[in-house]
């Protein structure tokens, strides 16, 4: 028994009491109460672990209880009271309760509690686990997230384009660095506004501007040439040419000079 410092106080029976022993016992119980001469607190609050069992211990925001087997305090185990919010692991859950699963690349074991990398969320549709595809944020350009984390996605409704925050700036999700494409905009400003993360070809090299783009057949510097057809010149990557070449076409030519259309050429940064 643990000494609680409590005392039992019983009020006296009235002088006129008359009854059986059982009735006298009942009357005494009704007149009894447990009191403490100095107040009582069954919860210990403090930063220092008590050396004996003084009841539940509240340390900051954490609860501990006394373990009689090791004679010291241990964290309160509320496993039986805690709700399982979702499954987690590489193997598909055998239970659909709860109907939410965070799939990872490996299952945790007692020897290795790690779970690998997160793959994605799945939900139980009544018959199978289906991947959960979230809807990205969307809105006009002015509503793009102000302080986005890397790879935050956003559908910009002003330019009708899915973009993400990558390498410290907004860029289109489509395309990889070095991709080149032709776009139809009347001004370069509009072309770049609708293609965040792209620059006009020749942005930092004026010699590349205004040229017809041809296929390279060897590395810049001349290494690793690939075979070309008879009569075709091999061109190095980024080689510029044609400054002095003229086009001689007359009505009898079997190879007419094709009509041309000038479009903005952009390259993904």
C-alpha atoms as a PDB file:
ATOM      1  CA  UNK A   1       0.000   0.000   0.000  1.00  0.00           C
ATOM      2  CA  UNK A   2       1.197   3.484  -0.799  1.00  0.00           C
ATOM      3  CA  UNK A   3       1.082   6.048   2.003  1.00  0.00           C
ATOM      4  CA  UNK A   4      -1.119   8.905   0.777  1.00  0.00           C
ATOM      5  CA  UNK A   5      -1.157  10.970   4.007  1.00  0.00           C
ATOM      6  CA  UNK A   6      -4.964  10.866   3.923  1.00  0.00           C
ATOM      7  CA  UNK A   7      -7.040  10.361   7.076  1.00  0.00           C
ATOM      8  CA  UNK A   8     -10.536   9.030   7.719  1.00  0.00           C
ATOM      9  CA  UNK A   9     -12.839  11.434   9.541  1.00  0.00           C
ATOM     10  CA  UNK A  10     -16.103  10.132  11.101  1.00  0.00           C
ATOM     11  CA  UNK A  11     -18.797  12.309  12.660  1.00  0.00           C
ATOM     12  CA  UNK A  12     -20.270  11.000  15.961  1.00  0.00           C
ATOM     13  CA  UNK A  13     -23.609   9.231  16.024  1.00  0.00           C
ATOM     14  CA  UNK A  14     -26.453  11.164  17.632  1.00  0.00           C
ATOM     15  CA  UNK A  15     -27.167  10.212  21.282  1.00  0.00           C
ATOM     16  CA  UNK A  16     -30.636   9.111  20.318  1.00  0.00           C
ATOM     17  CA  UNK A  17     -29.410   6.525  17.759  1.00  0.00           C
ATOM     18  CA  UNK A  18     -31.113   3.168  18.063  1.00  0.00           C
ATOM     19  CA  UNK A  19     -30.731   0.247  15.694  1.00  0.00           C
ATOM     20  CA  UNK A  20     -29.071  -3.015  14.773  1.00  0.00           C
ATOM     21  CA  UNK A  21     -25.286  -3.391  14.261  1.00  0.00           C
ATOM     22  CA  UNK A  22     -25.813  -3.236  10.500  1.00  0.00           C
ATOM     23  CA  UNK A  23     -27.826  -0.035  10.816  1.00  0.00           C
ATOM     24  CA  UNK A  24     -25.110   1.431  13.049  1.00  0.00           C
ATOM     25  CA  UNK A  25     -22.448   0.543  10.408  1.00  0.00           C
ATOM     26  CA  UNK A  26     -24.506   2.188   7.677  1.00  0.00           C
ATOM     27  CA  UNK A  27     -24.926   5.303   9.803  1.00  0.00           C
ATOM     28  CA  UNK A  28     -21.153   5.485  10.392  1.00  0.00           C
ATOM     29  CA  UNK A  29     -20.439   5.143   6.670  1.00  0.00           C
ATOM     30  CA  UNK A  30     -22.801   8.013   5.922  1.00  0.00           C
ATOM     31  CA  UNK A  31     -20.956  10.157   8.452  1.00  0.00           C
ATOM     32  CA  UNK A  32     -17.445   9.271   7.132  1.00  0.00           C
ATOM     33  CA  UNK A  33     -15.166  11.144   4.741  1.00  0.00           C
ATOM     34  CA  UNK A  34     -11.552  10.997   3.602  1.00  0.00           C
ATOM     35  CA  UNK A  35      -9.639  14.233   4.158  1.00  0.00           C
ATOM     36  CA  UNK A  36      -6.084  15.515   3.838  1.00  0.00           C
ATOM     37  CA  UNK A  37      -4.628  17.842   6.467  1.00  0.00           C
ATOM     38  CA  UNK A  38      -2.342  19.535   3.943  1.00  0.00           C
ATOM     39  CA  UNK A  39      -3.992  18.850   0.550  1.00  0.00           C
ATOM     40  CA  UNK A  40      -3.064  16.051  -1.842  1.00  0.00           C
ATOM     41  CA  UNK A  41      -1.807  15.810  -5.413  1.00  0.00           C
ATOM     42  CA  UNK A  42      -1.532  12.411  -7.101  1.00  0.00           C
ATOM     43  CA  UNK A  43       0.421  13.925 -10.049  1.00  0.00           C
ATOM     44  CA  UNK A  44       4.098  14.838  -9.808  1.00  0.00           C
ATOM     45  CA  UNK A  45       5.162  17.788 -11.948  1.00  0.00           C
ATOM     46  CA  UNK A  46       8.802  18.667 -12.521  1.00  0.00           C
ATOM     47  CA  UNK A  47      11.956  18.221 -14.610  1.00  0.00           C
ATOM     48  CA  UNK A  48      13.747  15.790 -12.258  1.00  0.00           C
ATOM     49  CA  UNK A  49      12.745  12.118 -12.301  1.00  0.00           C
ATOM     50  CA  UNK A  50      11.419  10.966  -8.914  1.00  0.00           C
ATOM     51  CA  UNK A  51      13.324   8.088  -7.284  1.00  0.00           C
ATOM     52  CA  UNK A  52      10.138   6.334  -6.127  1.00  0.00           C
ATOM     53  CA  UNK A  53       6.545   5.939  -7.237  1.00  0.00           C
ATOM     54  CA  UNK A  54       4.813   9.244  -6.510  1.00  0.00           C
ATOM     55  CA  UNK A  55       2.106   8.800  -9.111  1.00  0.00           C
ATOM     56  CA  UNK A  56       2.061   9.894 -12.768  1.00  0.00           C
ATOM     57  CA  UNK A  57       4.900  12.265 -13.657  1.00  0.00           C
ATOM     58  CA  UNK A  58       4.316  15.207 -16.000  1.00  0.00           C
ATOM     59  CA  UNK A  59       7.601  16.452 -17.453  1.00  0.00           C
ATOM     60  CA  UNK A  60       6.914  19.449 -19.662  1.00  0.00           C
ATOM     61  CA  UNK A  61       4.317  18.118 -22.108  1.00  0.00           C
ATOM     62  CA  UNK A  62       5.199  14.410 -21.695  1.00  0.00           C
ATOM     63  CA  UNK A  63       3.693  11.846 -19.326  1.00  0.00           C
ATOM     64  CA  UNK A  64       5.642   9.083 -17.519  1.00  0.00           C
ATOM     65  CA  UNK A  65       4.531   6.260 -15.220  1.00  0.00           C
ATOM     66  CA  UNK A  66       6.496   4.228 -12.680  1.00  0.00           C
ATOM     67  CA  UNK A  67       7.637   0.756 -13.800  1.00  0.00           C
ATOM     68  CA  UNK A  68       7.820  -1.521 -10.736  1.00  0.00           C
ATOM     69  CA  UNK A  69      10.041  -4.029 -12.549  1.00  0.00           C
ATOM     70  CA  UNK A  70      12.896  -1.582 -13.180  1.00  0.00           C
ATOM     71  CA  UNK A  71      12.036   0.834 -10.352  1.00  0.00           C
ATOM     72  CA  UNK A  72      12.042   3.959 -12.466  1.00  0.00           C
ATOM     73  CA  UNK A  73       9.772   6.066 -14.685  1.00  0.00           C
ATOM     74  CA  UNK A  74       9.108   5.183 -18.350  1.00  0.00           C
ATOM     75  CA  UNK A  75       7.126   7.015 -21.090  1.00  0.00           C
ATOM     76  CA  UNK A  76       3.377   6.466 -20.883  1.00  0.00           C
ATOM     77  CA  UNK A  77       2.247   3.865 -23.448  1.00  0.00           C
ATOM     78  CA  UNK A  78      -1.031   4.945 -25.068  1.00  0.00           C
ATOM     79  CA  UNK A  79      -0.861   2.474 -27.952  1.00  0.00           C
ATOM     80  CA  UNK A  80      -4.251   0.929 -27.123  1.00  0.00           C
ATOM     81  CA  UNK A  81      -5.851   4.376 -27.093  1.00  0.00           C
ATOM     82  CA  UNK A  82      -4.195   5.722 -30.245  1.00  0.00           C
ATOM     83  CA  UNK A  83      -6.035   5.543 -33.557  1.00  0.00           C
ATOM     84  CA  UNK A  84      -4.172   4.193 -36.594  1.00  0.00           C
ATOM     85  CA  UNK A  85      -4.518   6.935 -39.160  1.00  0.00           C
ATOM     86  CA  UNK A  86      -2.871   5.187 -42.136  1.00  0.00           C
ATOM     87  CA  UNK A  87      -0.803   2.173 -43.158  1.00  0.00           C
ATOM     88  CA  UNK A  88       2.845   2.648 -44.084  1.00  0.00           C
ATOM     89  CA  UNK A  89       5.215   0.262 -45.869  1.00  0.00           C
ATOM     90  CA  UNK A  90       6.086  -1.376 -49.184  1.00  0.00           C
ATOM     91  CA  UNK A  91       3.645  -4.300 -48.928  1.00  0.00           C
ATOM     92  CA  UNK A  92      -0.024  -3.662 -49.684  1.00  0.00           C
ATOM     93  CA  UNK A  93      -2.031  -3.690 -46.423  1.00  0.00           C
ATOM     94  CA  UNK A  94      -4.177  -6.747 -45.730  1.00  0.00           C
ATOM     95  CA  UNK A  95      -6.763  -4.572 -43.993  1.00  0.00           C
ATOM     96  CA  UNK A  96      -8.742  -1.732 -45.534  1.00  0.00           C
ATOM     97  CA  UNK A  97      -9.137   0.002 -42.176  1.00  0.00           C
ATOM     98  CA  UNK A  98      -7.993   2.714 -42.273  1.00  0.00           C
ATOM     99  CA  UNK A  99      -8.514   3.072 -46.054  1.00  0.00           C
ATOM    100  CA  UNK A 100      -5.320   5.096 -46.540  1.00  0.00           C
ATOM    101  CA  UNK A 101      -1.826   3.765 -47.290  1.00  0.00           C
ATOM    102  CA  UNK A 102       1.513   5.603 -47.588  1.00  0.00           C
ATOM    103  CA  UNK A 103       3.517   3.327 -49.867  1.00  0.00           C
ATOM    104  CA  UNK A 104       7.300   3.229 -49.342  1.00  0.00           C
ATOM    105  CA  UNK A 105      10.172   1.344 -50.984  1.00  0.00           C
ATOM    106  CA  UNK A 106      10.680  -1.110 -48.100  1.00  0.00           C
ATOM    107  CA  UNK A 107       8.966  -2.543 -45.059  1.00  0.00           C
ATOM    108  CA  UNK A 108      10.284  -1.823 -41.593  1.00  0.00           C
ATOM    109  CA  UNK A 109      11.518  -4.751 -39.483  1.00  0.00           C
ATOM    110  CA  UNK A 110      12.640  -5.074 -35.891  1.00  0.00           C
ATOM    111  CA  UNK A 111      16.245  -5.335 -37.082  1.00  0.00           C
ATOM    112  CA  UNK A 112      15.898  -2.435 -39.531  1.00  0.00           C
ATOM    113  CA  UNK A 113      13.087   0.030 -38.721  1.00  0.00           C
ATOM    114  CA  UNK A 114      13.794   2.231 -41.761  1.00  0.00           C
ATOM    115  CA  UNK A 115      11.149   2.422 -44.484  1.00  0.00           C
ATOM    116  CA  UNK A 116      13.142   3.664 -47.490  1.00  0.00           C
ATOM    117  CA  UNK A 117      11.702   6.415 -49.680  1.00  0.00           C
ATOM    118  CA  UNK A 118       8.073   7.473 -49.939  1.00  0.00           C
ATOM    119  CA  UNK A 119       6.413   6.348 -53.192  1.00  0.00           C
ATOM    120  CA  UNK A 120       2.987   7.948 -52.841  1.00  0.00           C
ATOM    121  CA  UNK A 121      -0.458   7.811 -51.255  1.00  0.00           C
ATOM    122  CA  UNK A 122      -3.028   5.128 -52.011  1.00  0.00           C
ATOM    123  CA  UNK A 123      -6.674   4.805 -50.954  1.00  0.00           C
ATOM    124  CA  UNK A 124      -9.003   1.821 -50.782  1.00  0.00           C
ATOM    125  CA  UNK A 125     -11.779   2.216 -53.381  1.00  0.00           C
ATOM    126  CA  UNK A 126     -13.809  -0.718 -52.087  1.00  0.00           C
ATOM    127  CA  UNK A 127     -11.990  -3.445 -53.991  1.00  0.00           C
ATOM    128  CA  UNK A 128      -8.360  -2.402 -54.541  1.00  0.00           C
ATOM    129  CA  UNK A 129      -5.680   0.085 -53.488  1.00  0.00           C
ATOM    130  CA  UNK A 130      -5.621   2.953 -55.980  1.00  0.00           C
ATOM    131  CA  UNK A 131      -2.967   5.703 -56.219  1.00  0.00           C
ATOM    132  CA  UNK A 132      -4.088   9.090 -54.994  1.00  0.00           C
ATOM    133  CA  UNK A 133      -3.295  11.883 -57.463  1.00  0.00           C
ATOM    134  CA  UNK A 134      -3.562  15.282 -55.823  1.00  0.00           C
ATOM    135  CA  UNK A 135      -4.740  18.358 -57.705  1.00  0.00           C
ATOM    136  CA  UNK A 136      -2.011  20.999 -57.946  1.00  0.00           C
ATOM    137  CA  UNK A 137      -2.452  24.607 -56.912  1.00  0.00           C
ATOM    138  CA  UNK A 138      -3.740  26.875 -59.667  1.00  0.00           C
ATOM    139  CA  UNK A 139      -4.542  30.489 -60.366  1.00  0.00           C
ATOM    140  CA  UNK A 140      -3.265  33.591 -62.161  1.00  0.00           C
ATOM    141  CA  UNK A 141       0.405  34.537 -62.319  1.00  0.00           C
ATOM    142  CA  UNK A 142       0.112  37.023 -59.441  1.00  0.00           C
ATOM    143  CA  UNK A 143      -1.079  34.237 -57.118  1.00  0.00           C
ATOM    144  CA  UNK A 144       1.936  31.980 -57.549  1.00  0.00           C
ATOM    145  CA  UNK A 145       3.236  30.854 -54.121  1.00  0.00           C
ATOM    146  CA  UNK A 146       5.492  33.576 -52.723  1.00  0.00           C
ATOM    147  CA  UNK A 147       8.001  31.316 -50.940  1.00  0.00           C
ATOM    148  CA  UNK A 148       7.648  27.923 -52.653  1.00  0.00           C
ATOM    149  CA  UNK A 149       9.757  24.916 -51.736  1.00  0.00           C
ATOM    150  CA  UNK A 150      11.705  23.197 -54.506  1.00  0.00           C
ATOM    151  CA  UNK A 151       9.463  21.232 -56.925  1.00  0.00           C
ATOM    152  CA  UNK A 152       6.248  22.970 -55.828  1.00  0.00           C
ATOM    153  CA  UNK A 153       3.873  22.721 -58.810  1.00  0.00           C
ATOM    154  CA  UNK A 154       1.415  25.393 -59.931  1.00  0.00           C
ATOM    155  CA  UNK A 155      -0.936  25.635 -62.915  1.00  0.00           C
ATOM    156  CA  UNK A 156      -0.749  29.227 -64.126  1.00  0.00           C
ATOM    157  CA  UNK A 157      -4.133  30.030 -65.653  1.00  0.00           C
ATOM    158  CA  UNK A 158      -2.834  33.226 -67.275  1.00  0.00           C
ATOM    159  CA  UNK A 159      -0.417  31.307 -69.498  1.00  0.00           C
ATOM    160  CA  UNK A 160      -2.335  27.963 -69.432  1.00  0.00           C
ATOM    161  CA  UNK A 161       0.802  26.094 -68.381  1.00  0.00           C
ATOM    162  CA  UNK A 162       1.898  23.725 -65.606  1.00  0.00           C
ATOM    163  CA  UNK A 163       5.035  25.097 -63.968  1.00  0.00           C
ATOM    164  CA  UNK A 164       7.165  24.181 -60.970  1.00  0.00           C
ATOM    165  CA  UNK A 165       9.739  25.884 -58.760  1.00  0.00           C
ATOM    166  CA  UNK A 166      13.047  24.330 -59.797  1.00  0.00           C
ATOM    167  CA  UNK A 167      16.622  25.611 -59.458  1.00  0.00           C
ATOM    168  CA  UNK A 168      15.364  28.685 -57.575  1.00  0.00           C
ATOM    169  CA  UNK A 169      12.876  29.918 -60.197  1.00  0.00           C
ATOM    170  CA  UNK A 170       9.590  29.046 -61.858  1.00  0.00           C
ATOM    171  CA  UNK A 171      10.016  26.906 -64.990  1.00  0.00           C
ATOM    172  CA  UNK A 172       7.728  24.857 -67.207  1.00  0.00           C
ATOM    173  CA  UNK A 173       7.424  21.234 -66.130  1.00  0.00           C
ATOM    174  CA  UNK A 174       7.841  20.187 -69.765  1.00  0.00           C
ATOM    175  CA  UNK A 175      11.239  20.232 -71.412  1.00  0.00           C
ATOM    176  CA  UNK A 176      14.767  19.586 -70.192  1.00  0.00           C
ATOM    177  CA  UNK A 177      17.761  21.949 -70.283  1.00  0.00           C
ATOM    178  CA  UNK A 178      18.958  22.216 -73.896  1.00  0.00           C
ATOM    179  CA  UNK A 179      15.583  21.582 -75.551  1.00  0.00           C
ATOM    180  CA  UNK A 180      14.845  23.988 -78.402  1.00  0.00           C
ATOM    181  CA  UNK A 181      11.374  24.825 -79.697  1.00  0.00           C
ATOM    182  CA  UNK A 182       9.717  27.331 -82.023  1.00  0.00           C
ATOM    183  CA  UNK A 183       6.774  29.325 -80.659  1.00  0.00           C
ATOM    184  CA  UNK A 184       4.253  31.632 -82.336  1.00  0.00           C
ATOM    185  CA  UNK A 185       4.077  34.940 -80.471  1.00  0.00           C
ATOM    186  CA  UNK A 186       4.139  38.437 -81.947  1.00  0.00           C
ATOM    187  CA  UNK A 187       6.622  39.688 -79.341  1.00  0.00           C
ATOM    188  CA  UNK A 188       9.567  38.108 -77.580  1.00  0.00           C
ATOM    189  CA  UNK A 189       8.213  39.418 -74.260  1.00  0.00           C
ATOM    190  CA  UNK A 190       5.014  37.386 -74.727  1.00  0.00           C
ATOM    191  CA  UNK A 191       6.983  34.321 -75.809  1.00  0.00           C
ATOM    192  CA  UNK A 192       9.127  34.372 -72.663  1.00  0.00           C
ATOM    193  CA  UNK A 193       6.191  35.195 -70.382  1.00  0.00           C
ATOM    194  CA  UNK A 194       4.339  32.104 -71.560  1.00  0.00           C
ATOM    195  CA  UNK A 195       7.425  29.914 -71.285  1.00  0.00           C
ATOM    196  CA  UNK A 196       9.028  30.523 -67.868  1.00  0.00           C
ATOM    197  CA  UNK A 197      12.445  28.913 -67.620  1.00  0.00           C
ATOM    198  CA  UNK A 198      13.219  29.356 -71.332  1.00  0.00           C
ATOM    199  CA  UNK A 199      15.391  31.915 -73.138  1.00  0.00           C
ATOM    200  CA  UNK A 200      15.616  32.986 -76.742  1.00  0.00           C
ATOM    201  CA  UNK A 201      18.260  31.085 -78.685  1.00  0.00           C
ATOM    202  CA  UNK A 202      21.307  33.355 -78.827  1.00  0.00           C
ATOM    203  CA  UNK A 203      20.509  35.184 -75.581  1.00  0.00           C
ATOM    204  CA  UNK A 204      24.213  35.212 -74.661  1.00  0.00           C
ATOM    205  CA  UNK A 205      25.677  34.666 -78.149  1.00  0.00           C
ATOM    206  CA  UNK A 206      24.653  37.086 -80.876  1.00  0.00           C
ATOM    207  CA  UNK A 207      26.223  34.876 -83.566  1.00  0.00           C
ATOM    208  CA  UNK A 208      23.433  32.321 -83.040  1.00  0.00           C
ATOM    209  CA  UNK A 209      20.559  34.730 -83.640  1.00  0.00           C
ATOM    210  CA  UNK A 210      18.486  34.855 -86.811  1.00  0.00           C
ATOM    211  CA  UNK A 211      19.806  31.582 -88.238  1.00  0.00           C
ATOM    212  CA  UNK A 212      18.050  28.561 -89.681  1.00  0.00           C
ATOM    213  CA  UNK A 213      18.687  25.669 -87.307  1.00  0.00           C
ATOM    214  CA  UNK A 214      20.455  22.747 -88.968  1.00  0.00           C
ATOM    215  CA  UNK A 215      21.426  19.329 -87.640  1.00  0.00           C
ATOM    216  CA  UNK A 216      24.943  19.003 -86.201  1.00  0.00           C
ATOM    217  CA  UNK A 217      26.953  15.964 -87.318  1.00  0.00           C
ATOM    218  CA  UNK A 218      29.912  16.132 -84.924  1.00  0.00           C
ATOM    219  CA  UNK A 219      30.781  17.496 -81.503  1.00  0.00           C
ATOM    220  CA  UNK A 220      31.879  21.056 -81.012  1.00  0.00           C
ATOM    221  CA  UNK A 221      35.587  20.912 -81.794  1.00  0.00           C
ATOM    222  CA  UNK A 222      35.173  18.216 -84.463  1.00  0.00           C
ATOM    223  CA  UNK A 223      35.207  15.030 -82.381  1.00  0.00           C
ATOM    224  CA  UNK A 224      32.861  12.040 -82.809  1.00  0.00           C
ATOM    225  CA  UNK A 225      31.558  12.751 -86.336  1.00  0.00           C
ATOM    226  CA  UNK A 226      28.568  10.778 -87.573  1.00  0.00           C
ATOM    227  CA  UNK A 227      28.242   9.579 -91.181  1.00  0.00           C
ATOM    228  CA  UNK A 228      26.313  11.823 -93.581  1.00  0.00           C
ATOM    229  CA  UNK A 229      25.150  11.349 -97.142  1.00  0.00           C
ATOM    230  CA  UNK A 230      27.266  12.080-100.200  1.00  0.00           C
ATOM    231  CA  UNK A 231      27.562  15.764-100.956  1.00  0.00           C
ATOM    232  CA  UNK A 232      26.481  16.908 -97.492  1.00  0.00           C
ATOM    233  CA  UNK A 233      28.785  18.974 -95.336  1.00  0.00           C
ATOM    234  CA  UNK A 234      29.487  17.895 -91.761  1.00  0.00           C
ATOM    235  CA  UNK A 235      28.756  20.640 -89.245  1.00  0.00           C
ATOM    236  CA  UNK A 236      30.043  20.913 -85.697  1.00  0.00           C
ATOM    237  CA  UNK A 237      27.658  21.590 -82.834  1.00  0.00           C
ATOM    238  CA  UNK A 238      27.153  25.379 -82.548  1.00  0.00           C
ATOM    239  CA  UNK A 239      29.034  25.990 -85.826  1.00  0.00           C
ATOM    240  CA  UNK A 240      27.902  29.127 -87.621  1.00  0.00           C
ATOM    241  CA  UNK A 241      28.011  29.337 -91.408  1.00  0.00           C
ATOM    242  CA  UNK A 242      26.290  30.808 -94.459  1.00  0.00           C
ATOM    243  CA  UNK A 243      27.363  34.436 -94.062  1.00  0.00           C
ATOM    244  CA  UNK A 244      28.784  34.588 -97.599  1.00  0.00           C
ATOM    245  CA  UNK A 245      26.647  31.957 -99.300  1.00  0.00           C
ATOM    246  CA  UNK A 246      24.177  33.224-101.844  1.00  0.00           C
ATOM    247  CA  UNK A 247      21.037  31.580-103.135  1.00  0.00           C
ATOM    248  CA  UNK A 248      20.762  31.378-106.932  1.00  0.00           C
ATOM    249  CA  UNK A 249      17.300  30.351-108.031  1.00  0.00           C
ATOM    250  CA  UNK A 250      15.655  30.885-111.398  1.00  0.00           C
ATOM    251  CA  UNK A 251      12.389  29.796-112.957  1.00  0.00           C
ATOM    252  CA  UNK A 252      13.938  26.659-114.435  1.00  0.00           C
ATOM    253  CA  UNK A 253      15.315  25.394-111.127  1.00  0.00           C
ATOM    254  CA  UNK A 254      14.144  21.915-110.079  1.00  0.00           C
ATOM    255  CA  UNK A 255      14.770  22.791-106.402  1.00  0.00           C
ATOM    256  CA  UNK A 256      12.675  25.886-105.680  1.00  0.00           C
ATOM    257  CA  UNK A 257      13.693  28.061-102.788  1.00  0.00           C
ATOM    258  CA  UNK A 258      11.013  27.368-100.117  1.00  0.00           C
ATOM    259  CA  UNK A 259       8.927  30.176 -98.607  1.00  0.00           C
ATOM    260  CA  UNK A 260      10.038  30.859 -95.026  1.00  0.00           C
ATOM    261  CA  UNK A 261       8.373  31.757 -91.724  1.00  0.00           C
ATOM    262  CA  UNK A 262      10.217  33.440 -88.874  1.00  0.00           C
ATOM    263  CA  UNK A 263       9.301  32.182 -85.390  1.00  0.00           C
ATOM    264  CA  UNK A 264      10.847  32.730 -81.996  1.00  0.00           C
ATOM    265  CA  UNK A 265      13.235  29.906 -81.107  1.00  0.00           C
ATOM    266  CA  UNK A 266      13.556  29.266 -77.367  1.00  0.00           C
ATOM    267  CA  UNK A 267      15.923  27.024 -75.428  1.00  0.00           C
ATOM    268  CA  UNK A 268      15.174  25.504 -72.001  1.00  0.00           C
ATOM    269  CA  UNK A 269      17.586  26.724 -69.352  1.00  0.00           C
END
